[in-house]
Amino acid sequence: MQPNRFFDELSAKVSALAAGSPARDIERNVRALVSAGLARLDVVTREEYDVQAKLLARTLEKLAALEARVAALERPDAPQAAR
């Protein structure tokens, strides 16, 4: 279950319990408390995570290519002009 969906369902259940009663204030307080707790967790969205994972994969590919170029340039049989 996705975290956003979980909290939406939790909010809906709390709303259903609090409908028509003075517990409406409690619902607002619980919602604020949950929001504040999530803000402190310093979590990222799945989309942000996927973007960073792709960026890391591209960076690792570039690193491997650069390492291969350096290894080729450091070979003793490499032409002098390439050095």
C-alpha atoms as a PDB file:
ATOM      1  CA  MET A   1       0.000   0.000   0.000  1.00  0.00           C
ATOM      2  CA  GLN A   2       1.352   3.402  -0.926  1.00  0.00           C
ATOM      3  CA  PRO A   3       2.065   5.767   1.977  1.00  0.00           C
ATOM      4  CA  ASN A   4      -0.167   8.533   0.563  1.00  0.00           C
ATOM      5  CA  ARG A   5      -3.038   6.108   0.143  1.00  0.00           C
ATOM      6  CA  PHE A   6      -2.562   4.806   3.686  1.00  0.00           C
ATOM      7  CA  PHE A   7      -2.775   8.283   5.172  1.00  0.00           C
ATOM      8  CA  ASP A   8      -5.741   9.165   2.965  1.00  0.00           C
ATOM      9  CA  GLU A   9      -7.560   6.068   4.197  1.00  0.00           C
ATOM     10  CA  LEU A  10      -6.587   6.832   7.790  1.00  0.00           C
ATOM     11  CA  SER A  11      -7.891  10.366   7.370  1.00  0.00           C
ATOM     12  CA  ALA A  12     -11.150   9.084   5.877  1.00  0.00           C
ATOM     13  CA  LYS A  13     -11.658   6.689   8.787  1.00  0.00           C
ATOM     14  CA  VAL A  14     -10.962   9.404  11.333  1.00  0.00           C
ATOM     15  CA  SER A  15     -13.399  11.681   9.479  1.00  0.00           C
ATOM     16  CA  ALA A  16     -16.074   8.994   9.484  1.00  0.00           C
ATOM     17  CA  LEU A  17     -15.663   8.463  13.221  1.00  0.00           C
ATOM     18  CA  ALA A  18     -15.711  12.160  13.967  1.00  0.00           C
ATOM     19  CA  ALA A  19     -18.621  13.145  11.712  1.00  0.00           C
ATOM     20  CA  GLY A  20     -21.383  14.904  13.614  1.00  0.00           C
ATOM     21  CA  SER A  21     -19.549  15.003  16.914  1.00  0.00           C
ATOM     22  CA  PRO A  22     -17.276  17.390  18.786  1.00  0.00           C
ATOM     23  CA  ALA A  23     -14.452  15.074  17.817  1.00  0.00           C
ATOM     24  CA  ARG A  24     -14.064  17.177  14.653  1.00  0.00           C
ATOM     25  CA  ASP A  25     -11.454  19.223  16.501  1.00  0.00           C
ATOM     26  CA  ILE A  26      -9.655  16.024  17.414  1.00  0.00           C
ATOM     27  CA  GLU A  27      -9.573  15.078  13.745  1.00  0.00           C
ATOM     28  CA  ARG A  28      -7.951  18.378  12.824  1.00  0.00           C
ATOM     29  CA  ASN A  29      -5.432  17.952  15.618  1.00  0.00           C
ATOM     30  CA  VAL A  30      -4.634  14.382  14.577  1.00  0.00           C
ATOM     31  CA  ARG A  31      -4.255  15.473  10.952  1.00  0.00           C
ATOM     32  CA  ALA A  32      -1.887  18.280  11.982  1.00  0.00           C
ATOM     33  CA  LEU A  33       0.063  15.911  14.207  1.00  0.00           C
ATOM     34  CA  VAL A  34       0.469  13.319  11.440  1.00  0.00           C
ATOM     35  CA  SER A  35       1.505  16.000   8.937  1.00  0.00           C
ATOM     36  CA  ALA A  36       4.075  17.411  11.337  1.00  0.00           C
ATOM     37  CA  GLY A  37       5.427  13.936  12.035  1.00  0.00           C
ATOM     38  CA  LEU A  38       5.832  13.196   8.344  1.00  0.00           C
ATOM     39  CA  ALA A  39       7.564  16.515   7.763  1.00  0.00           C
ATOM     40  CA  ARG A  40      10.139  15.640  10.412  1.00  0.00           C
ATOM     41  CA  LEU A  41      10.844  12.240   8.861  1.00  0.00           C
ATOM     42  CA  ASP A  42      12.488  13.931   5.878  1.00  0.00           C
ATOM     43  CA  VAL A  43      11.039  11.425   3.421  1.00  0.00           C
ATOM     44  CA  VAL A  44      11.076  11.725  -0.360  1.00  0.00           C
ATOM     45  CA  THR A  45       8.443  10.822  -2.875  1.00  0.00           C
ATOM     46  CA  ARG A  46       8.772   7.779  -5.087  1.00  0.00           C
ATOM     47  CA  GLU A  47       9.180  10.067  -8.099  1.00  0.00           C
ATOM     48  CA  GLU A  48      12.099  11.900  -6.457  1.00  0.00           C
ATOM     49  CA  TYR A  49      13.695   8.576  -5.566  1.00  0.00           C
ATOM     50  CA  ASP A  50      13.317   7.280  -9.144  1.00  0.00           C
ATOM     51  CA  VAL A  51      14.891  10.439 -10.583  1.00  0.00           C
ATOM     52  CA  GLN A  52      17.863  10.128  -8.235  1.00  0.00           C
ATOM     53  CA  ALA A  53      18.250   6.413  -9.030  1.00  0.00           C
ATOM     54  CA  LYS A  54      18.368   7.171 -12.777  1.00  0.00           C
ATOM     55  CA  LEU A  55      20.861   9.969 -12.200  1.00  0.00           C
ATOM     56  CA  LEU A  56      23.068   7.631 -10.185  1.00  0.00           C
ATOM     57  CA  ALA A  57      22.906   4.953 -12.901  1.00  0.00           C
ATOM     58  CA  ARG A  58      23.972   7.471 -15.576  1.00  0.00           C
ATOM     59  CA  THR A  59      26.773   8.735 -13.350  1.00  0.00           C
ATOM     60  CA  LEU A  60      28.049   5.203 -12.788  1.00  0.00           C
ATOM     61  CA  GLU A  61      28.024   4.569 -16.559  1.00  0.00           C
ATOM     62  CA  LYS A  62      30.036   7.737 -17.169  1.00  0.00           C
ATOM     63  CA  LEU A  63      32.454   6.783 -14.406  1.00  0.00           C
ATOM     64  CA  ALA A  64      33.014   3.342 -15.947  1.00  0.00           C
ATOM     65  CA  ALA A  65      33.669   4.937 -19.356  1.00  0.00           C
ATOM     66  CA  LEU A  66      36.161   7.402 -17.861  1.00  0.00           C
ATOM     67  CA  GLU A  67      37.930   4.625 -15.945  1.00  0.00           C
ATOM     68  CA  ALA A  68      38.283   2.668 -19.199  1.00  0.00           C
ATOM     69  CA  ARG A  69      39.729   5.735 -20.965  1.00  0.00           C
ATOM     70  CA  VAL A  70      42.236   6.333 -18.163  1.00  0.00           C
ATOM     71  CA  ALA A  71      43.255   2.664 -18.172  1.00  0.00           C
ATOM     72  CA  ALA A  72      43.774   2.799 -21.953  1.00  0.00           C
ATOM     73  CA  LEU A  73      45.886   5.954 -21.639  1.00  0.00           C
ATOM     74  CA  GLU A  74      48.001   4.453 -18.864  1.00  0.00           C
ATOM     75  CA  ARG A  75      48.871   1.308 -20.816  1.00  0.00           C
ATOM     76  CA  PRO A  76      52.589   1.186 -21.612  1.00  0.00           C
ATOM     77  CA  ASP A  77      51.884   0.351 -25.262  1.00  0.00           C
ATOM     78  CA  ALA A  78      49.581   3.379 -25.710  1.00  0.00           C
ATOM     79  CA  PRO A  79      50.758   5.840 -28.393  1.00  0.00           C
ATOM     80  CA  GLN A  80      52.629   8.876 -27.070  1.00  0.00           C
ATOM     81  CA  ALA A  81      50.284  11.335 -28.796  1.00  0.00           C
ATOM     82  CA  ALA A  82      47.326   9.913 -26.860  1.00  0.00           C
ATOM     83  CA  ARG A  83      48.992  10.626 -23.561  1.00  0.00           C
END
